Amino acid sequence: MIDSATSTPRVCKHALAFVLCVLLILATRPEPAGACTCRSMPTLVEARDRAQVAFRGRVLSKKSPSPYYLRRSPTDSVLVQSGGQRDRYVLLVDAAWKGSLAETLVVFSNSSSASCGYQMEVGGEYVLFAFRAPRAPEASESSMFAGGLPTEPWLGVGLCGGNRRLHLGGVDLAPLGEPIWRRPPSSDSKEFLKDSLRGPATPP
C-alpha cells in the first residue's frame, strides 16, 4: 500500500524539476542564425530625427536582383550565389519632412528581412526614414543592386528604422509636424502613378 502522505511531496518535486528544466532550455535556446532583431521600434519623431531623409510616398515599382551571378575567369565561368542583395524601389513622393525634395525617389533595402531588409509592396503607401550611403557603389558590387548600379550614394531603409505602412488611417502623422515639401497636385503625376500601378499594356 502506497502512503499518499509521502508520495505527494515526491510527485511535486519531480514536477517542479521538470518545469525548471523546460524553463532552462527555453532560456538558453539560441536565436535563429542570421535573424534580425530590433531592440525597440523608434517613434515617428525619433525616426525622423535619426534619418537623413524622411518622406511619405507610394511604391511605383520594385526590382529584385538575381540570387545568382556569373563570375568569369580566364579559364571558365561559374554561377555563384550572390550575397547582400538589395531590392530597388521607386516611390512617388507626396510629402517630405527632411532631406531630398523631389517627386520621385529611389531607395534600396536588403532583400531579406533576416538581414534587416524592409519589404514593401507595389501600390502601398509608406512613411520612410532613409539614410544615404557614404559612397557610390563600386563596379564589383553590381550583383548586389537590382536595376543597375546607382551613380551616386544611394538611399537605404531598414527593418528597424521606424518605417510605417499607411493604410486604413491607422498611423497618425501629426507628431511629425507640417511637411517642408508637398508634391504639387498635377494631372501628369496622377496619370504617371495610374500607369505605373496598371503595368504595361497587353497587346490586342
N, C-alpha and C. Protein backbone atom coordinates (compact mmCIF):
# COMPACT_ATOMS: atom_id res chain seq x y z
N MET A 1 0.84 -1.19 0.00
CA MET A 1 0.00 0.00 0.00
C MET A 1 0.88 1.26 0.00
N ILE A 2 0.55 2.26 -0.90
CA ILE A 2 1.36 3.46 -1.04
C ILE A 2 0.86 4.52 -0.08
N ASP A 3 1.75 5.08 0.65
CA ASP A 3 1.41 6.13 1.59
C ASP A 3 1.27 7.45 0.83
N SER A 4 0.03 7.97 0.70
CA SER A 4 -0.21 9.19 -0.05
C SER A 4 0.48 10.39 0.56
N ALA A 5 0.69 10.34 1.87
CA ALA A 5 1.33 11.47 2.54
C ALA A 5 2.77 11.64 2.12
N THR A 6 3.44 10.53 1.79
CA THR A 6 4.85 10.60 1.38
C THR A 6 5.01 10.69 -0.13
N SER A 7 4.02 10.14 -0.89
CA SER A 7 4.13 10.15 -2.34
C SER A 7 3.85 11.54 -2.94
N THR A 8 2.96 12.30 -2.32
CA THR A 8 2.60 13.62 -2.85
C THR A 8 3.79 14.56 -2.92
N PRO A 9 4.60 14.69 -1.88
CA PRO A 9 5.79 15.56 -1.99
C PRO A 9 6.76 15.11 -3.07
N ARG A 10 6.89 13.76 -3.26
CA ARG A 10 7.79 13.27 -4.30
C ARG A 10 7.30 13.67 -5.69
N VAL A 11 5.97 13.55 -5.92
CA VAL A 11 5.40 13.94 -7.20
C VAL A 11 5.61 15.42 -7.46
N CYS A 12 5.43 16.23 -6.43
CA CYS A 12 5.61 17.67 -6.57
C CYS A 12 7.06 18.01 -6.90
N LYS A 13 8.00 17.29 -6.26
CA LYS A 13 9.41 17.55 -6.53
C LYS A 13 9.76 17.22 -7.97
N HIS A 14 9.26 16.06 -8.47
CA HIS A 14 9.53 15.68 -9.85
C HIS A 14 8.92 16.69 -10.83
N ALA A 15 7.70 17.13 -10.55
CA ALA A 15 7.03 18.09 -11.43
C ALA A 15 7.78 19.41 -11.45
N LEU A 16 8.23 19.85 -10.29
CA LEU A 16 8.97 21.10 -10.20
C LEU A 16 10.30 21.01 -10.96
N ALA A 17 10.97 19.85 -10.82
CA ALA A 17 12.24 19.66 -11.54
C ALA A 17 12.03 19.69 -13.05
N PHE A 18 10.93 19.10 -13.51
CA PHE A 18 10.62 19.08 -14.94
C PHE A 18 10.37 20.49 -15.46
N VAL A 19 9.58 21.26 -14.72
CA VAL A 19 9.27 22.64 -15.13
C VAL A 19 10.54 23.48 -15.19
N LEU A 20 11.43 23.32 -14.19
CA LEU A 20 12.68 24.07 -14.17
C LEU A 20 13.57 23.72 -15.37
N CYS A 21 13.59 22.44 -15.73
CA CYS A 21 14.38 22.01 -16.89
C CYS A 21 13.86 22.64 -18.18
N VAL A 22 12.52 22.66 -18.34
CA VAL A 22 11.92 23.25 -19.53
C VAL A 22 12.26 24.73 -19.62
N LEU A 23 12.12 25.45 -18.50
CA LEU A 23 12.43 26.88 -18.48
C LEU A 23 13.90 27.14 -18.81
N LEU A 24 14.78 26.27 -18.32
CA LEU A 24 16.21 26.43 -18.58
C LEU A 24 16.51 26.24 -20.05
N ILE A 25 15.86 25.26 -20.69
CA ILE A 25 16.07 25.00 -22.12
C ILE A 25 15.59 26.19 -22.95
N LEU A 26 14.40 26.72 -22.60
CA LEU A 26 13.87 27.86 -23.35
C LEU A 26 14.73 29.10 -23.18
N ALA A 27 15.28 29.27 -21.99
CA ALA A 27 16.09 30.46 -21.72
C ALA A 27 17.43 30.42 -22.43
N THR A 28 17.96 29.23 -22.64
CA THR A 28 19.28 29.11 -23.25
C THR A 28 19.23 28.74 -24.72
N ARG A 29 18.02 28.61 -25.28
CA ARG A 29 17.90 28.26 -26.69
C ARG A 29 18.44 29.39 -27.55
N PRO A 30 19.36 29.10 -28.49
CA PRO A 30 19.95 30.17 -29.30
C PRO A 30 18.96 30.76 -30.28
N GLU A 31 19.19 32.03 -30.66
CA GLU A 31 18.39 32.67 -31.68
C GLU A 31 18.70 32.05 -33.04
N PRO A 32 17.72 32.04 -33.97
CA PRO A 32 17.99 31.51 -35.30
C PRO A 32 19.13 32.28 -35.95
N ALA A 33 19.98 31.54 -36.65
CA ALA A 33 21.15 32.16 -37.29
C ALA A 33 20.72 33.18 -38.31
N GLY A 34 21.35 34.33 -38.27
CA GLY A 34 21.09 35.36 -39.26
C GLY A 34 19.84 36.16 -39.03
N ALA A 35 19.12 35.95 -37.93
CA ALA A 35 17.88 36.66 -37.70
C ALA A 35 18.17 38.12 -37.35
N CYS A 36 17.26 39.00 -37.78
CA CYS A 36 17.39 40.42 -37.47
C CYS A 36 16.52 40.73 -36.26
N THR A 37 17.10 41.33 -35.26
CA THR A 37 16.38 41.66 -34.04
C THR A 37 16.46 43.16 -33.79
N CYS A 38 15.30 43.80 -33.71
CA CYS A 38 15.25 45.23 -33.40
C CYS A 38 15.06 45.38 -31.89
N ARG A 39 15.94 46.12 -31.25
CA ARG A 39 15.83 46.32 -29.80
C ARG A 39 14.51 46.99 -29.44
N SER A 40 14.17 48.00 -30.16
CA SER A 40 12.89 48.69 -29.97
C SER A 40 12.60 49.50 -31.22
N MET A 41 11.32 49.71 -31.49
CA MET A 41 10.93 50.48 -32.67
C MET A 41 10.84 51.95 -32.29
N PRO A 42 11.57 52.82 -32.97
CA PRO A 42 11.53 54.24 -32.62
C PRO A 42 10.17 54.87 -32.92
N THR A 43 9.86 55.93 -32.21
CA THR A 43 8.66 56.70 -32.52
C THR A 43 8.88 57.43 -33.84
N LEU A 44 7.81 57.99 -34.37
CA LEU A 44 7.95 58.73 -35.63
C LEU A 44 8.93 59.89 -35.50
N VAL A 45 8.86 60.59 -34.39
CA VAL A 45 9.75 61.74 -34.20
C VAL A 45 11.20 61.27 -34.05
N GLU A 46 11.42 60.20 -33.29
CA GLU A 46 12.77 59.66 -33.13
C GLU A 46 13.33 59.20 -34.47
N ALA A 47 12.50 58.52 -35.25
CA ALA A 47 12.93 58.03 -36.57
C ALA A 47 13.28 59.19 -37.49
N ARG A 48 12.45 60.24 -37.48
CA ARG A 48 12.74 61.41 -38.32
C ARG A 48 14.05 62.08 -37.93
N ASP A 49 14.27 62.22 -36.63
CA ASP A 49 15.47 62.91 -36.16
C ASP A 49 16.74 62.12 -36.49
N ARG A 50 16.66 60.80 -36.51
CA ARG A 50 17.82 59.98 -36.80
C ARG A 50 18.12 59.90 -38.29
N ALA A 51 17.07 59.95 -39.10
CA ALA A 51 17.21 59.73 -40.54
C ALA A 51 17.78 60.97 -41.23
N GLN A 52 18.28 60.75 -42.43
CA GLN A 52 18.73 61.86 -43.27
C GLN A 52 17.64 62.32 -44.22
N VAL A 53 16.74 61.41 -44.56
CA VAL A 53 15.61 61.73 -45.43
C VAL A 53 14.35 61.11 -44.84
N ALA A 54 13.31 61.93 -44.66
CA ALA A 54 12.04 61.44 -44.12
C ALA A 54 10.92 61.89 -45.05
N PHE A 55 10.15 60.93 -45.57
CA PHE A 55 9.13 61.29 -46.54
C PHE A 55 7.99 60.27 -46.55
N ARG A 56 6.92 60.68 -47.19
CA ARG A 56 5.75 59.81 -47.40
C ARG A 56 5.59 59.60 -48.90
N GLY A 57 5.40 58.35 -49.30
CA GLY A 57 5.29 58.08 -50.72
C GLY A 57 4.62 56.76 -51.02
N ARG A 58 4.33 56.57 -52.30
CA ARG A 58 3.68 55.35 -52.79
C ARG A 58 4.65 54.61 -53.70
N VAL A 59 4.74 53.30 -53.53
CA VAL A 59 5.67 52.48 -54.31
C VAL A 59 5.14 52.31 -55.73
N LEU A 60 5.92 52.78 -56.69
CA LEU A 60 5.55 52.65 -58.10
C LEU A 60 6.09 51.36 -58.71
N SER A 61 7.28 50.96 -58.29
CA SER A 61 7.88 49.75 -58.86
C SER A 61 8.88 49.14 -57.89
N LYS A 62 9.13 47.86 -58.09
CA LYS A 62 10.10 47.14 -57.27
C LYS A 62 10.89 46.20 -58.18
N LYS A 63 12.20 46.17 -58.00
CA LYS A 63 13.05 45.23 -58.72
C LYS A 63 13.91 44.48 -57.72
N SER A 64 14.01 43.18 -57.92
CA SER A 64 14.84 42.35 -57.05
C SER A 64 15.98 41.77 -57.86
N PRO A 65 17.19 41.76 -57.30
CA PRO A 65 18.34 41.21 -58.03
C PRO A 65 18.27 39.70 -58.11
N SER A 66 18.96 39.15 -59.07
CA SER A 66 19.03 37.70 -59.18
C SER A 66 19.83 37.13 -58.00
N PRO A 67 19.38 35.99 -57.46
CA PRO A 67 20.14 35.39 -56.36
C PRO A 67 21.48 34.80 -56.80
N TYR A 68 21.72 34.78 -58.11
CA TYR A 68 22.99 34.23 -58.63
C TYR A 68 23.58 35.18 -59.66
N TYR A 69 24.87 35.14 -59.82
CA TYR A 69 25.51 35.90 -60.89
C TYR A 69 26.63 35.06 -61.48
N LEU A 70 27.01 35.42 -62.70
CA LEU A 70 28.03 34.67 -63.43
C LEU A 70 29.40 35.29 -63.17
N ARG A 71 30.27 34.54 -62.53
CA ARG A 71 31.63 35.01 -62.26
C ARG A 71 32.56 34.39 -63.31
N ARG A 72 33.18 35.26 -64.10
CA ARG A 72 34.03 34.80 -65.19
C ARG A 72 35.50 34.88 -64.79
N SER A 73 36.26 33.94 -65.30
CA SER A 73 37.70 33.92 -65.09
C SER A 73 38.36 33.59 -66.44
N PRO A 74 39.68 33.70 -66.53
CA PRO A 74 40.33 33.40 -67.82
C PRO A 74 40.09 31.97 -68.29
N THR A 75 39.76 31.06 -67.38
CA THR A 75 39.61 29.65 -67.78
C THR A 75 38.17 29.19 -67.88
N ASP A 76 37.28 29.73 -67.05
CA ASP A 76 35.88 29.26 -67.08
C ASP A 76 34.96 30.31 -66.47
N SER A 77 33.67 29.98 -66.46
CA SER A 77 32.65 30.82 -65.84
C SER A 77 31.89 29.99 -64.82
N VAL A 78 31.65 30.58 -63.66
CA VAL A 78 31.00 29.85 -62.58
C VAL A 78 29.78 30.65 -62.10
N LEU A 79 28.66 29.93 -61.89
CA LEU A 79 27.46 30.55 -61.34
C LEU A 79 27.59 30.57 -59.82
N VAL A 80 27.60 31.77 -59.26
CA VAL A 80 27.86 31.95 -57.83
C VAL A 80 26.64 32.57 -57.17
N GLN A 81 26.35 32.11 -55.95
CA GLN A 81 25.23 32.70 -55.21
C GLN A 81 25.62 34.08 -54.70
N SER A 82 24.76 35.05 -54.98
CA SER A 82 25.04 36.42 -54.57
C SER A 82 24.82 36.56 -53.06
N GLY A 83 25.40 37.61 -52.51
CA GLY A 83 25.20 37.90 -51.10
C GLY A 83 24.90 39.37 -50.90
N GLY A 84 24.08 39.68 -49.91
CA GLY A 84 23.77 41.07 -49.59
C GLY A 84 22.98 41.78 -50.67
N GLN A 85 22.05 41.06 -51.33
CA GLN A 85 21.29 41.69 -52.40
C GLN A 85 20.35 42.76 -51.85
N ARG A 86 20.08 43.77 -52.68
CA ARG A 86 19.21 44.86 -52.28
C ARG A 86 18.12 45.07 -53.34
N ASP A 87 16.88 45.13 -52.86
CA ASP A 87 15.77 45.44 -53.74
C ASP A 87 15.76 46.94 -54.05
N ARG A 88 15.29 47.26 -55.23
CA ARG A 88 15.21 48.66 -55.67
C ARG A 88 13.75 49.09 -55.75
N TYR A 89 13.41 50.17 -55.06
CA TYR A 89 12.05 50.69 -55.05
C TYR A 89 12.04 52.11 -55.60
N VAL A 90 11.07 52.38 -56.46
CA VAL A 90 10.82 53.74 -56.93
C VAL A 90 9.52 54.21 -56.29
N LEU A 91 9.57 55.37 -55.63
CA LEU A 91 8.40 55.89 -54.93
C LEU A 91 8.02 57.27 -55.44
N LEU A 92 6.71 57.49 -55.56
CA LEU A 92 6.18 58.81 -55.86
C LEU A 92 5.98 59.51 -54.52
N VAL A 93 6.68 60.60 -54.30
CA VAL A 93 6.69 61.27 -53.00
C VAL A 93 5.51 62.24 -52.92
N ASP A 94 4.76 62.12 -51.83
CA ASP A 94 3.64 63.03 -51.57
C ASP A 94 4.05 64.18 -50.66
N ALA A 95 4.91 63.89 -49.68
CA ALA A 95 5.33 64.91 -48.73
C ALA A 95 6.68 64.52 -48.14
N ALA A 96 7.45 65.53 -47.73
CA ALA A 96 8.75 65.28 -47.12
C ALA A 96 8.90 66.14 -45.87
N TRP A 97 9.49 65.54 -44.87
CA TRP A 97 9.76 66.26 -43.61
C TRP A 97 11.25 66.57 -43.45
N LYS A 98 12.07 65.91 -44.25
CA LYS A 98 13.51 66.09 -44.08
C LYS A 98 14.22 65.57 -45.33
N GLY A 99 15.27 66.26 -45.76
CA GLY A 99 16.11 65.73 -46.83
C GLY A 99 15.65 66.13 -48.21
N SER A 100 15.76 65.17 -49.14
CA SER A 100 15.53 65.43 -50.57
C SER A 100 14.11 65.90 -50.83
N LEU A 101 13.99 66.89 -51.73
CA LEU A 101 12.70 67.42 -52.13
C LEU A 101 12.51 67.10 -53.62
N ALA A 102 11.91 65.97 -53.89
CA ALA A 102 11.74 65.52 -55.27
C ALA A 102 10.45 64.73 -55.38
N GLU A 103 9.87 64.70 -56.59
CA GLU A 103 8.62 63.98 -56.79
C GLU A 103 8.80 62.48 -56.77
N THR A 104 9.95 62.00 -57.18
CA THR A 104 10.23 60.57 -57.12
C THR A 104 11.58 60.33 -56.46
N LEU A 105 11.65 59.26 -55.71
CA LEU A 105 12.89 58.87 -55.06
C LEU A 105 13.11 57.38 -55.26
N VAL A 106 14.38 57.00 -55.35
CA VAL A 106 14.76 55.59 -55.43
C VAL A 106 15.42 55.21 -54.11
N VAL A 107 14.91 54.15 -53.49
CA VAL A 107 15.51 53.66 -52.24
C VAL A 107 15.82 52.18 -52.40
N PHE A 108 16.80 51.72 -51.65
CA PHE A 108 17.19 50.32 -51.65
C PHE A 108 17.01 49.75 -50.24
N SER A 109 16.74 48.45 -50.19
CA SER A 109 16.68 47.76 -48.91
C SER A 109 17.10 46.32 -49.11
N ASN A 110 17.72 45.73 -48.09
CA ASN A 110 18.13 44.34 -48.21
C ASN A 110 16.95 43.46 -48.60
N SER A 111 17.20 42.49 -49.46
CA SER A 111 16.12 41.66 -49.98
C SER A 111 15.51 40.76 -48.93
N SER A 112 16.24 40.47 -47.88
CA SER A 112 15.76 39.55 -46.85
C SER A 112 15.50 40.28 -45.55
N SER A 113 14.36 39.97 -44.90
CA SER A 113 14.08 40.56 -43.59
C SER A 113 15.04 40.02 -42.54
N ALA A 114 15.63 38.84 -42.79
CA ALA A 114 16.64 38.30 -41.87
C ALA A 114 17.88 39.18 -41.84
N SER A 115 18.09 39.95 -42.92
CA SER A 115 19.20 40.90 -42.99
C SER A 115 18.72 42.31 -42.71
N CYS A 116 17.60 42.42 -42.00
CA CYS A 116 17.00 43.71 -41.62
C CYS A 116 16.49 44.49 -42.82
N GLY A 117 16.13 43.79 -43.88
CA GLY A 117 15.52 44.47 -45.03
C GLY A 117 14.07 44.81 -44.75
N TYR A 118 13.62 45.94 -45.29
CA TYR A 118 12.24 46.38 -45.13
C TYR A 118 11.50 46.12 -46.43
N GLN A 119 10.56 45.18 -46.41
CA GLN A 119 9.86 44.77 -47.61
C GLN A 119 8.65 45.66 -47.86
N MET A 120 8.50 46.11 -49.10
CA MET A 120 7.36 46.94 -49.48
C MET A 120 6.66 46.36 -50.70
N GLU A 121 5.38 46.70 -50.84
CA GLU A 121 4.57 46.21 -51.94
C GLU A 121 4.28 47.34 -52.92
N VAL A 122 4.26 47.00 -54.20
CA VAL A 122 3.91 47.97 -55.23
C VAL A 122 2.47 48.44 -55.00
N GLY A 123 2.27 49.74 -55.00
CA GLY A 123 0.96 50.31 -54.73
C GLY A 123 0.76 50.69 -53.27
N GLY A 124 1.61 50.19 -52.39
CA GLY A 124 1.50 50.51 -50.98
C GLY A 124 2.02 51.91 -50.68
N GLU A 125 1.44 52.54 -49.66
CA GLU A 125 1.85 53.88 -49.26
C GLU A 125 2.58 53.79 -47.92
N TYR A 126 3.71 54.45 -47.82
CA TYR A 126 4.57 54.31 -46.65
C TYR A 126 5.10 55.67 -46.21
N VAL A 127 5.45 55.75 -44.93
CA VAL A 127 6.28 56.85 -44.45
C VAL A 127 7.63 56.22 -44.14
N LEU A 128 8.68 56.74 -44.78
CA LEU A 128 10.00 56.10 -44.74
C LEU A 128 11.04 57.06 -44.16
N PHE A 129 11.98 56.44 -43.46
CA PHE A 129 13.09 57.17 -42.85
C PHE A 129 14.37 56.56 -43.38
N ALA A 130 15.04 57.28 -44.28
CA ALA A 130 16.14 56.71 -45.05
C ALA A 130 17.47 57.34 -44.66
N PHE A 131 18.52 56.58 -44.95
CA PHE A 131 19.90 57.03 -44.75
C PHE A 131 20.63 56.98 -46.09
N ARG A 132 21.51 57.92 -46.29
CA ARG A 132 22.28 57.95 -47.53
C ARG A 132 23.60 57.21 -47.33
N ALA A 133 23.93 56.34 -48.26
CA ALA A 133 25.19 55.60 -48.18
C ALA A 133 26.37 56.58 -48.23
N PRO A 134 27.47 56.23 -47.56
CA PRO A 134 28.61 57.16 -47.53
C PRO A 134 29.31 57.32 -48.87
N ARG A 135 29.05 56.41 -49.80
CA ARG A 135 29.73 56.49 -51.11
C ARG A 135 28.89 55.79 -52.16
N ALA A 136 29.20 56.08 -53.41
CA ALA A 136 28.57 55.36 -54.51
C ALA A 136 29.16 53.95 -54.58
N PRO A 137 28.37 52.96 -54.98
CA PRO A 137 28.90 51.59 -55.04
C PRO A 137 29.93 51.43 -56.14
N GLU A 138 30.79 50.44 -55.97
CA GLU A 138 31.82 50.14 -56.96
C GLU A 138 31.30 49.12 -57.97
N ALA A 139 32.00 49.01 -59.08
CA ALA A 139 31.58 48.10 -60.15
C ALA A 139 31.51 46.65 -59.67
N SER A 140 32.38 46.28 -58.73
CA SER A 140 32.39 44.90 -58.23
C SER A 140 31.14 44.57 -57.42
N GLU A 141 30.34 45.58 -57.06
CA GLU A 141 29.14 45.37 -56.27
C GLU A 141 27.87 45.33 -57.13
N SER A 142 28.05 45.21 -58.43
CA SER A 142 26.90 45.29 -59.34
C SER A 142 25.86 44.20 -59.07
N SER A 143 26.30 43.01 -58.62
CA SER A 143 25.35 41.92 -58.39
C SER A 143 24.47 42.16 -57.17
N MET A 144 24.82 43.14 -56.36
CA MET A 144 24.07 43.39 -55.12
C MET A 144 22.88 44.32 -55.33
N PHE A 145 22.86 45.05 -56.46
CA PHE A 145 21.84 46.07 -56.66
C PHE A 145 20.93 45.69 -57.82
N ALA A 146 19.63 45.65 -57.55
CA ALA A 146 18.67 45.44 -58.63
C ALA A 146 18.55 46.70 -59.45
N GLY A 147 18.38 46.53 -60.77
CA GLY A 147 18.17 47.68 -61.65
C GLY A 147 19.42 48.44 -62.01
N GLY A 148 20.59 47.88 -61.74
CA GLY A 148 21.84 48.54 -62.10
C GLY A 148 22.44 49.32 -60.95
N LEU A 149 23.71 49.65 -61.09
CA LEU A 149 24.42 50.37 -60.04
C LEU A 149 23.94 51.81 -59.91
N PRO A 150 23.68 52.28 -58.70
CA PRO A 150 23.40 53.71 -58.52
C PRO A 150 24.63 54.53 -58.89
N THR A 151 24.41 55.69 -59.48
CA THR A 151 25.53 56.53 -59.90
C THR A 151 25.98 57.49 -58.81
N GLU A 152 25.29 57.47 -57.67
CA GLU A 152 25.63 58.34 -56.55
C GLU A 152 25.34 57.60 -55.25
N PRO A 153 25.76 58.15 -54.11
CA PRO A 153 25.43 57.48 -52.84
C PRO A 153 23.92 57.24 -52.74
N TRP A 154 23.55 56.01 -52.50
CA TRP A 154 22.15 55.60 -52.57
C TRP A 154 21.45 55.75 -51.22
N LEU A 155 20.12 55.81 -51.29
CA LEU A 155 19.29 55.87 -50.10
C LEU A 155 18.89 54.46 -49.69
N GLY A 156 18.98 54.18 -48.40
CA GLY A 156 18.61 52.87 -47.89
C GLY A 156 17.64 52.96 -46.72
N VAL A 157 16.74 51.99 -46.63
CA VAL A 157 15.82 51.88 -45.50
C VAL A 157 15.96 50.48 -44.90
N GLY A 158 15.68 50.36 -43.60
CA GLY A 158 15.84 49.08 -42.92
C GLY A 158 14.65 48.75 -42.04
N LEU A 159 14.63 47.51 -41.59
CA LEU A 159 13.52 46.99 -40.80
C LEU A 159 13.36 47.72 -39.47
N CYS A 160 14.46 48.18 -38.90
CA CYS A 160 14.43 48.77 -37.56
C CYS A 160 14.41 50.29 -37.60
N GLY A 161 14.16 50.88 -38.75
CA GLY A 161 14.26 52.33 -38.89
C GLY A 161 13.03 53.11 -38.52
N GLY A 162 11.95 52.42 -38.14
CA GLY A 162 10.72 53.13 -37.77
C GLY A 162 9.78 53.39 -38.92
N ASN A 163 10.02 52.76 -40.10
CA ASN A 163 9.14 52.95 -41.25
C ASN A 163 7.76 52.38 -40.96
N ARG A 164 6.75 52.98 -41.54
CA ARG A 164 5.37 52.52 -41.36
C ARG A 164 4.64 52.45 -42.69
N ARG A 165 3.79 51.43 -42.80
CA ARG A 165 2.88 51.40 -43.95
C ARG A 165 1.60 52.13 -43.56
N LEU A 166 1.11 52.95 -44.46
CA LEU A 166 -0.09 53.74 -44.19
C LEU A 166 -1.28 53.07 -44.85
N HIS A 167 -2.22 52.63 -44.05
CA HIS A 167 -3.44 52.04 -44.60
C HIS A 167 -4.54 52.10 -43.55
N LEU A 168 -5.75 52.33 -44.01
CA LEU A 168 -6.94 52.38 -43.15
C LEU A 168 -6.82 53.45 -42.06
N GLY A 169 -5.99 54.46 -42.30
CA GLY A 169 -5.87 55.56 -41.35
C GLY A 169 -5.31 55.14 -40.00
N GLY A 170 -4.51 54.09 -39.98
CA GLY A 170 -4.03 53.56 -38.70
C GLY A 170 -2.78 54.24 -38.16
N VAL A 171 -2.17 55.16 -38.92
CA VAL A 171 -0.95 55.83 -38.48
C VAL A 171 -1.19 57.33 -38.40
N ASP A 172 -0.99 57.90 -37.24
CA ASP A 172 -1.16 59.33 -37.03
C ASP A 172 0.17 60.03 -37.29
N LEU A 173 0.22 60.83 -38.35
CA LEU A 173 1.46 61.52 -38.72
C LEU A 173 1.57 62.90 -38.10
N ALA A 174 0.62 63.28 -37.27
CA ALA A 174 0.64 64.61 -36.66
C ALA A 174 1.92 64.90 -35.88
N PRO A 175 2.51 63.90 -35.16
CA PRO A 175 3.75 64.19 -34.42
C PRO A 175 4.90 64.67 -35.31
N LEU A 176 4.85 64.37 -36.59
CA LEU A 176 5.93 64.79 -37.49
C LEU A 176 5.84 66.27 -37.84
N GLY A 177 4.70 66.87 -37.57
CA GLY A 177 4.54 68.28 -37.88
C GLY A 177 4.23 68.52 -39.35
N GLU A 178 4.28 69.76 -39.75
CA GLU A 178 3.97 70.14 -41.12
C GLU A 178 5.14 69.77 -42.04
N PRO A 179 4.88 69.13 -43.17
CA PRO A 179 5.97 68.79 -44.10
C PRO A 179 6.66 70.05 -44.63
N ILE A 180 7.93 69.91 -44.95
CA ILE A 180 8.67 71.04 -45.53
C ILE A 180 8.46 71.10 -47.04
N TRP A 181 7.88 70.04 -47.61
CA TRP A 181 7.60 70.00 -49.05
C TRP A 181 6.42 69.08 -49.31
N ARG A 182 5.55 69.49 -50.23
CA ARG A 182 4.44 68.66 -50.69
C ARG A 182 4.46 68.61 -52.21
N ARG A 183 4.10 67.46 -52.73
CA ARG A 183 4.04 67.34 -54.19
C ARG A 183 2.87 68.16 -54.71
N PRO A 184 3.11 69.05 -55.64
CA PRO A 184 2.01 69.86 -56.18
C PRO A 184 1.03 68.98 -56.94
N PRO A 185 -0.25 69.19 -56.75
CA PRO A 185 -1.23 68.38 -57.49
C PRO A 185 -1.15 68.66 -58.98
N SER A 186 -1.02 67.62 -59.76
CA SER A 186 -0.94 67.78 -61.21
C SER A 186 -1.46 66.51 -61.86
N SER A 187 -2.11 66.67 -62.96
CA SER A 187 -2.67 65.52 -63.66
C SER A 187 -1.56 64.61 -64.17
N ASP A 188 -0.39 65.20 -64.51
CA ASP A 188 0.72 64.39 -65.02
C ASP A 188 1.16 63.38 -63.98
N SER A 189 1.34 63.83 -62.71
CA SER A 189 1.77 62.92 -61.66
C SER A 189 0.74 61.85 -61.41
N LYS A 190 -0.56 62.24 -61.45
CA LYS A 190 -1.61 61.27 -61.20
C LYS A 190 -1.66 60.22 -62.30
N GLU A 191 -1.52 60.68 -63.55
CA GLU A 191 -1.53 59.73 -64.66
C GLU A 191 -0.30 58.83 -64.61
N PHE A 192 0.85 59.39 -64.22
CA PHE A 192 2.06 58.59 -64.11
C PHE A 192 1.88 57.50 -63.07
N LEU A 193 1.26 57.87 -61.93
CA LEU A 193 1.01 56.89 -60.88
C LEU A 193 0.04 55.82 -61.36
N LYS A 194 -1.02 56.25 -62.05
CA LYS A 194 -2.03 55.31 -62.51
C LYS A 194 -1.43 54.31 -63.50
N ASP A 195 -0.62 54.83 -64.45
CA ASP A 195 0.01 53.95 -65.44
C ASP A 195 1.00 53.00 -64.79
N SER A 196 1.75 53.47 -63.80
CA SER A 196 2.76 52.64 -63.14
C SER A 196 2.10 51.49 -62.40
N LEU A 197 0.96 51.76 -61.76
CA LEU A 197 0.30 50.71 -61.00
C LEU A 197 -0.43 49.74 -61.91
N ARG A 198 -0.87 50.26 -63.09
CA ARG A 198 -1.59 49.40 -64.02
C ARG A 198 -0.66 48.40 -64.69
N GLY A 199 0.59 48.80 -64.92
CA GLY A 199 1.54 47.92 -65.59
C GLY A 199 1.50 48.10 -67.09
N PRO A 200 2.33 47.35 -67.82
CA PRO A 200 2.39 47.50 -69.26
C PRO A 200 1.09 47.06 -69.91
N ALA A 201 0.73 47.74 -71.00
CA ALA A 201 -0.50 47.40 -71.70
C ALA A 201 -0.33 46.06 -72.40
N THR A 202 -1.42 45.29 -72.44
CA THR A 202 -1.37 43.98 -73.11
C THR A 202 -1.76 44.19 -74.58
N PRO A 203 -1.06 43.52 -75.49
CA PRO A 203 -1.38 43.69 -76.92
C PRO A 203 -2.75 43.13 -77.24
N PRO A 204 -3.47 43.72 -78.17
CA PRO A 204 -4.82 43.22 -78.53
C PRO A 204 -4.75 41.85 -79.17
